[in-house]
Amino acid sequence: MKVAFVGKGGSGKTTLSSLFIRHLAAGGAPVVAVDADINQHLGVALGLSEQTAAAIPAMGAHLPEIKDHLRGANPRIPSAAAMVKTTPPGSGSRLLRPAGDDPIHARLGVPAVGATLMATGPFTEEDLGVSCYHSKTGAVELYLNHLVDGPGEYVVVDCTAGAESFASGMFTRFDLTFLVAEPTRKGVAVYRQWTDYAADYDVALKVIGNKVHTPEDVAFLREHVGDALLCCVGQSGAVRAMEQGRPFDLDDLAEDDRAALATMRAALDARPKDWPKFTRQAIEFHLKNARAWANAATGQDLAAQIDPGFTLGADAPLTATAL
């Protein structure tokens, strides 16, 4: 299952995504964690040192190699240069399994709390004033477009804050999106933004209340988000210790917070897989990007990259046979 963590800056989405990753990995599940936030803090939240986290190979810096691997022998994609962030897989493409035996996971992933952690990478001096952060997250979008995740396998993506995810089609690449909201007017404003923007795309969204201290906090969130509120998490001393870099274990959490993590996993596991919709939306955003900028950028009609007979799914071979 693929899950995104989104929310207002400072809402605690990176902290909650790191707790959820720890929860999944502690149960022995294969987990890939992806830091796709412009502020790269997920590695440290998962217990890595600042130096180790900063040394994670940046997916955005390896985009040509990622493209070249994923296009495989797909005859509709003649070169990595002809491949853009929205290019969907087709016959001959190489597909991925979470933390599978492939060059992308082997070269770009590092171990963290029993999971495999990958990162888009931060802005560099060369990027400033020249490119937007979506030049980095395009690598994640390609990764997700070519990923075949089976039962009991998880990919957890810590996304950019606010509504930035809507600058690409990546917001449709998940089985479930957890929106982390504080019990404040600013906290629920991002929820309203998300529901407005995602209304036409059948995006499954649940709200996780964070920094919730009183029944009044819960009532406030329920008033503004209704049944979308899945569970709430407090601001415990154990989480503060983790954020300060002190030793941390999931058992240090309060019982209610551990129960919230289990509720989140149950909600994710209950989501039905809809591979036809996943494939259809990938094609929709590819065509939209092709018309808007990618045809002009590549000098090609990228609609020709779509393989009408191909649907991504659990039974698709990792290297599909080229027609």
Protein backbone atom coordinates (compact mmCIF):
# COMPACT_ATOMS: atom_id res chain seq x y z
CA MET A 1 0.00 0.00 0.00
CA LYS A 2 1.15 3.53 -0.78
CA VAL A 3 0.40 6.29 1.73
CA ALA A 4 1.17 10.02 1.78
CA PHE A 5 1.53 12.32 4.77
CA VAL A 6 0.51 15.92 4.06
CA GLY A 7 -0.40 18.96 6.12
CA LYS A 8 0.42 22.51 7.05
CA GLY A 9 4.05 23.33 7.69
CA GLY A 10 4.74 22.69 11.36
CA SER A 11 1.72 20.41 11.80
CA GLY A 12 3.96 17.47 12.68
CA LYS A 13 3.51 15.43 9.51
CA THR A 14 7.18 14.40 9.41
CA THR A 15 7.06 13.31 13.05
CA LEU A 16 3.86 11.34 12.50
CA SER A 17 5.10 9.77 9.27
CA SER A 18 8.27 8.67 11.09
CA LEU A 19 6.21 7.12 13.89
CA PHE A 20 4.05 5.30 11.35
CA ILE A 21 7.12 4.02 9.51
CA ARG A 22 8.53 2.72 12.82
CA HIS A 23 5.17 1.09 13.60
CA LEU A 24 5.03 -0.72 10.24
CA ALA A 25 8.67 -1.81 10.33
CA ALA A 26 8.37 -3.04 13.92
CA GLY A 27 5.78 -5.52 12.69
CA GLY A 28 8.24 -6.93 10.16
CA ALA A 29 6.55 -5.45 7.08
CA PRO A 30 8.66 -4.41 4.07
CA VAL A 31 8.63 -0.59 4.20
CA VAL A 32 10.07 2.06 1.90
CA ALA A 33 10.11 5.58 3.32
CA VAL A 34 10.52 8.53 0.95
CA ASP A 35 11.37 12.05 2.09
CA ALA A 36 9.75 14.22 -0.58
CA ASP A 37 9.56 17.39 1.51
CA ILE A 38 11.57 20.46 0.56
CA ASN A 39 12.72 20.45 4.19
CA GLN A 40 14.51 17.11 4.45
CA HIS A 41 14.00 15.97 8.06
CA LEU A 42 12.61 12.44 7.77
CA GLY A 43 15.99 10.72 8.09
CA VAL A 44 16.75 12.45 11.37
CA ALA A 45 13.22 11.71 12.61
CA LEU A 46 13.96 8.05 11.91
CA GLY A 47 17.02 8.18 14.13
CA LEU A 48 19.81 8.86 11.61
CA SER A 49 22.48 11.39 12.46
CA GLU A 50 22.45 14.72 10.65
CA GLN A 51 25.57 13.66 8.73
CA THR A 52 24.16 10.28 7.69
CA ALA A 53 20.83 11.81 6.63
CA ALA A 54 22.56 14.50 4.59
CA ALA A 55 24.62 11.83 2.79
CA ILE A 56 21.57 9.91 1.47
CA PRO A 57 21.86 9.88 -2.35
CA ALA A 58 19.35 12.36 -3.79
CA MET A 59 16.79 10.83 -6.12
CA GLY A 60 16.55 14.16 -7.94
CA ALA A 61 20.26 14.07 -8.71
CA HIS A 62 19.96 10.59 -10.25
CA LEU A 63 16.94 11.23 -12.44
CA PRO A 64 18.62 10.22 -15.75
CA GLU A 65 19.70 6.85 -14.27
CA ILE A 66 16.22 6.30 -12.79
CA LYS A 67 14.62 7.01 -16.15
CA ASP A 68 17.03 4.78 -18.03
CA HIS A 69 16.38 1.85 -15.70
CA LEU A 70 12.59 2.23 -15.69
CA ARG A 71 12.16 2.60 -19.45
CA GLY A 72 13.91 -0.74 -19.94
CA ALA A 73 13.10 -2.07 -23.41
CA ASN A 74 9.86 -0.10 -23.82
CA PRO A 75 9.85 0.70 -27.57
CA ARG A 76 7.62 3.73 -27.00
CA ILE A 77 10.41 5.48 -25.04
CA PRO A 78 13.54 5.73 -27.23
CA SER A 79 15.76 7.39 -24.59
CA ALA A 80 15.86 8.69 -21.03
CA ALA A 81 15.76 12.22 -22.46
CA ALA A 82 12.35 11.45 -23.96
CA MET A 83 10.99 10.38 -20.56
CA VAL A 84 9.33 12.93 -18.27
CA LYS A 85 8.10 12.71 -14.68
CA THR A 86 4.62 11.56 -15.75
CA THR A 87 5.64 8.92 -18.31
CA PRO A 88 3.62 5.80 -17.47
CA PRO A 89 4.96 2.26 -17.79
CA GLY A 90 4.13 0.04 -20.71
CA SER A 91 5.21 -3.22 -22.31
CA GLY A 92 8.99 -3.48 -21.95
CA SER A 93 9.21 -1.12 -18.96
CA ARG A 94 10.96 -2.23 -15.79
CA LEU A 95 8.68 -2.26 -12.77
CA LEU A 96 9.63 -2.10 -9.12
CA ARG A 97 8.67 -3.86 -5.91
CA PRO A 98 9.04 -2.07 -2.55
CA ALA A 99 12.68 -2.41 -1.49
CA GLY A 100 13.16 -4.90 -4.29
CA ASP A 101 16.36 -6.24 -5.81
CA ASP A 102 16.93 -3.44 -8.32
CA PRO A 103 19.51 -0.66 -8.86
CA ILE A 104 17.19 2.11 -7.68
CA HIS A 105 16.66 0.72 -4.19
CA ALA A 106 20.23 -0.60 -3.99
CA ARG A 107 21.90 2.69 -4.93
CA LEU A 108 19.51 5.26 -3.49
CA GLY A 109 18.12 3.55 -0.38
CA VAL A 110 19.66 3.42 3.08
CA PRO A 111 18.49 1.38 6.10
CA ALA A 112 16.62 3.19 8.87
CA VAL A 113 14.64 1.57 11.73
CA GLY A 114 14.09 -1.56 9.65
CA ALA A 115 12.83 0.38 6.62
CA THR A 116 14.53 1.48 3.40
CA LEU A 117 14.79 5.27 3.27
CA MET A 118 15.10 7.30 0.08
CA ALA A 119 15.11 11.07 -0.33
CA THR A 120 14.50 13.54 -3.13
CA GLY A 121 17.37 15.68 -1.87
CA PRO A 122 17.40 19.33 -0.82
CA PHE A 123 17.82 22.41 -2.96
CA THR A 124 21.42 22.95 -3.98
CA GLU A 125 23.23 26.20 -4.68
CA GLU A 126 22.72 25.53 -8.40
CA ASP A 127 18.95 25.21 -7.95
CA LEU A 128 18.37 28.51 -6.17
CA GLY A 129 16.54 30.98 -8.36
CA VAL A 130 16.55 28.55 -11.28
CA SER A 131 14.22 25.60 -10.63
CA CYS A 132 11.24 24.64 -8.49
CA TYR A 133 11.18 21.74 -6.05
CA HIS A 134 9.05 19.69 -8.41
CA SER A 135 12.20 19.11 -10.46
CA LYS A 136 13.18 16.92 -7.47
CA THR A 137 9.84 15.28 -6.71
CA GLY A 138 9.48 14.21 -10.34
CA ALA A 139 11.78 11.31 -9.47
CA VAL A 140 9.32 10.19 -6.79
CA GLU A 141 6.39 10.46 -9.21
CA LEU A 142 8.20 8.23 -11.72
CA TYR A 143 9.08 5.80 -8.93
CA LEU A 144 5.46 5.55 -7.81
CA ASN A 145 4.18 5.22 -11.39
CA HIS A 146 6.36 2.11 -11.87
CA LEU A 147 5.85 0.56 -8.43
CA VAL A 148 3.90 -2.67 -7.95
CA ASP A 149 3.18 -3.05 -4.24
CA GLY A 150 1.59 -6.23 -2.96
CA PRO A 151 -0.28 -7.12 0.24
CA GLY A 152 1.68 -6.29 3.37
CA GLU A 153 4.17 -4.04 1.52
CA TYR A 154 4.24 -0.33 2.30
CA VAL A 155 5.58 2.87 0.78
CA VAL A 156 5.28 5.94 3.02
CA VAL A 157 5.94 9.37 1.48
CA ASP A 158 6.45 12.51 3.55
CA CYS A 159 5.21 15.15 1.09
CA THR A 160 5.72 18.89 0.78
CA ALA A 161 3.68 21.11 3.09
CA GLY A 162 0.35 22.71 2.31
CA ALA A 163 -1.15 22.29 -1.16
CA GLU A 164 2.19 22.06 -2.96
CA SER A 165 1.51 18.44 -3.93
CA PHE A 166 -1.14 19.64 -6.37
CA ALA A 167 1.53 21.14 -8.63
CA SER A 168 1.88 17.61 -10.05
CA GLY A 169 -0.24 14.48 -10.35
CA MET A 170 1.60 12.85 -7.46
CA PHE A 171 -1.38 13.41 -5.14
CA THR A 172 -3.24 10.65 -7.03
CA ARG A 173 -0.46 8.07 -6.61
CA PHE A 174 -1.52 6.85 -3.16
CA ASP A 175 -4.01 4.35 -1.77
CA LEU A 176 -4.63 6.68 1.15
CA THR A 177 -3.52 10.16 2.18
CA PHE A 178 -3.16 11.12 5.84
CA LEU A 179 -3.60 14.84 6.40
CA VAL A 180 -2.06 15.89 9.71
CA ALA A 181 -4.00 18.75 11.28
CA GLU A 182 -3.59 20.66 14.51
CA PRO A 183 -6.80 21.71 16.28
CA THR A 184 -6.56 25.30 15.02
CA ARG A 185 -8.19 27.31 12.24
CA LYS A 186 -4.95 27.24 10.26
CA GLY A 187 -4.71 23.51 10.82
CA VAL A 188 -8.09 22.74 9.28
CA ALA A 189 -7.69 25.30 6.46
CA VAL A 190 -5.30 22.93 4.66
CA TYR A 191 -7.94 20.20 4.92
CA ARG A 192 -10.46 22.42 3.15
CA GLN A 193 -7.86 23.19 0.47
CA TRP A 194 -7.17 19.51 -0.07
CA THR A 195 -10.82 18.50 -0.32
CA ASP A 196 -11.50 21.32 -2.79
CA TYR A 197 -8.54 20.52 -5.06
CA ALA A 198 -8.95 16.74 -4.89
CA ALA A 199 -12.72 16.68 -5.31
CA ASP A 200 -12.64 15.50 -8.93
CA TYR A 201 -9.95 12.82 -8.48
CA ASP A 202 -11.42 10.33 -6.00
CA VAL A 203 -8.56 10.80 -3.53
CA ALA A 204 -9.00 8.86 -0.28
CA LEU A 205 -8.21 11.26 2.57
CA LYS A 206 -8.22 10.81 6.34
CA VAL A 207 -7.34 13.44 8.94
CA ILE A 208 -4.98 12.68 11.82
CA GLY A 209 -5.37 15.18 14.63
CA ASN A 210 -2.01 16.10 16.12
CA LYS A 211 -0.99 17.98 19.27
CA VAL A 212 -4.44 17.22 20.67
CA HIS A 213 -4.69 17.77 24.41
CA THR A 214 -8.36 18.06 25.42
CA PRO A 215 -11.83 16.84 24.42
CA GLU A 216 -12.41 20.38 23.14
CA ASP A 217 -9.55 19.91 20.67
CA VAL A 218 -11.16 16.73 19.37
CA ALA A 219 -14.55 18.45 19.14
CA PHE A 220 -13.03 21.32 17.18
CA LEU A 221 -11.50 18.96 14.63
CA ARG A 222 -14.70 16.92 14.38
CA GLU A 223 -16.70 20.10 13.80
CA HIS A 224 -14.50 21.14 10.88
CA VAL A 225 -13.56 17.84 9.21
CA GLY A 226 -16.44 15.56 10.24
CA ASP A 227 -16.06 11.85 9.58
CA ALA A 228 -12.71 12.41 7.86
CA LEU A 229 -11.16 12.53 11.35
CA LEU A 230 -9.64 9.08 11.83
CA CYS A 231 -7.79 9.44 15.14
CA CYS A 232 -5.83 11.87 17.27
CA VAL A 233 -2.33 11.94 18.72
CA GLY A 234 -1.16 13.95 21.71
CA GLN A 235 2.14 15.73 22.23
CA SER A 236 3.86 13.29 24.56
CA GLY A 237 7.20 13.52 26.30
CA ALA A 238 8.37 10.49 24.33
CA VAL A 239 7.81 12.28 21.02
CA ARG A 240 9.56 15.37 22.35
CA ALA A 241 12.51 13.20 23.37
CA MET A 242 12.64 11.70 19.87
CA GLU A 243 12.59 15.16 18.30
CA GLN A 244 15.44 16.19 20.57
CA GLY A 245 17.52 13.19 19.50
CA ARG A 246 17.28 11.27 22.73
CA PRO A 247 16.79 7.47 22.75
CA PHE A 248 13.31 6.50 21.63
CA ASP A 249 11.26 3.33 21.36
CA LEU A 250 7.66 2.89 20.24
CA ASP A 251 6.88 1.41 23.64
CA ASP A 252 7.68 4.83 25.11
CA LEU A 253 4.52 6.23 23.51
CA ALA A 254 1.32 6.57 25.49
CA GLU A 255 -1.15 3.75 24.97
CA ASP A 256 -3.59 6.03 23.12
CA ASP A 257 -0.87 7.11 20.68
CA ARG A 258 0.13 3.51 19.98
CA ALA A 259 -3.54 2.72 19.38
CA ALA A 260 -3.73 5.62 16.92
CA LEU A 261 -0.87 4.14 14.88
CA ALA A 262 -2.68 0.80 14.79
CA THR A 263 -5.87 2.56 13.67
CA MET A 264 -3.95 4.24 10.86
CA ARG A 265 -2.54 0.93 9.66
CA ALA A 266 -5.96 -0.71 9.77
CA ALA A 267 -7.45 2.12 7.70
CA LEU A 268 -4.65 1.77 5.14
CA ASP A 269 -4.92 -2.02 4.96
CA ALA A 270 -8.67 -1.73 4.42
CA ARG A 271 -8.29 0.33 1.25
CA PRO A 272 -9.14 -1.63 -1.91
CA LYS A 273 -6.49 -1.72 -4.63
CA ASP A 274 -7.73 -0.08 -7.83
CA TRP A 275 -5.00 -0.63 -10.40
CA PRO A 276 -7.18 0.41 -13.38
CA LYS A 277 -7.87 3.79 -11.72
CA PHE A 278 -4.19 4.17 -10.84
CA THR A 279 -3.22 3.52 -14.46
CA ARG A 280 -6.00 5.73 -15.85
CA GLN A 281 -5.00 8.71 -13.70
CA ALA A 282 -1.34 8.27 -14.61
CA ILE A 283 -2.31 8.53 -18.29
CA GLU A 284 -4.58 11.52 -17.60
CA PHE A 285 -1.81 13.54 -15.96
CA HIS A 286 0.74 12.45 -18.55
CA LEU A 287 -1.44 13.81 -21.35
CA LYS A 288 -2.12 16.99 -19.38
CA ASN A 289 1.60 17.60 -18.84
CA ALA A 290 2.41 16.69 -22.43
CA ARG A 291 0.06 19.36 -23.74
CA ALA A 292 1.11 21.96 -21.16
CA TRP A 293 4.90 21.76 -21.48
CA ALA A 294 6.45 18.33 -22.07
CA ASN A 295 5.81 18.03 -25.83
CA ALA A 296 7.55 21.36 -26.36
CA ALA A 297 10.37 20.48 -23.95
CA THR A 298 11.16 17.15 -25.61
CA GLY A 299 10.22 18.01 -29.18
CA GLN A 300 8.01 14.90 -29.31
CA ASP A 301 4.35 14.00 -29.04
CA LEU A 302 4.46 12.21 -25.69
CA ALA A 303 0.95 10.82 -26.12
CA ALA A 304 2.72 8.15 -28.17
CA GLN A 305 4.33 6.86 -24.95
CA ILE A 306 0.99 5.52 -23.71
CA ASP A 307 0.56 1.78 -24.15
CA PRO A 308 -3.23 1.29 -24.51
CA GLY A 309 -3.01 -2.42 -23.71
CA PHE A 310 -1.08 -2.07 -20.47
CA THR A 311 -2.52 -1.84 -16.95
CA LEU A 312 -0.25 -1.77 -13.94
CA GLY A 313 -1.14 -4.40 -11.38
CA ALA A 314 0.04 -7.01 -8.92
CA ASP A 315 0.27 -9.66 -11.64
CA ALA A 316 2.35 -7.53 -14.02
CA PRO A 317 5.87 -8.97 -14.58
CA LEU A 318 8.68 -6.78 -13.23
CA THR A 319 10.05 -6.59 -16.76
CA ALA A 320 7.09 -6.58 -19.11
CA THR A 321 7.59 -8.18 -22.50
CA ALA A 322 7.97 -5.63 -25.27
CA LEU A 323 5.50 -5.95 -28.12
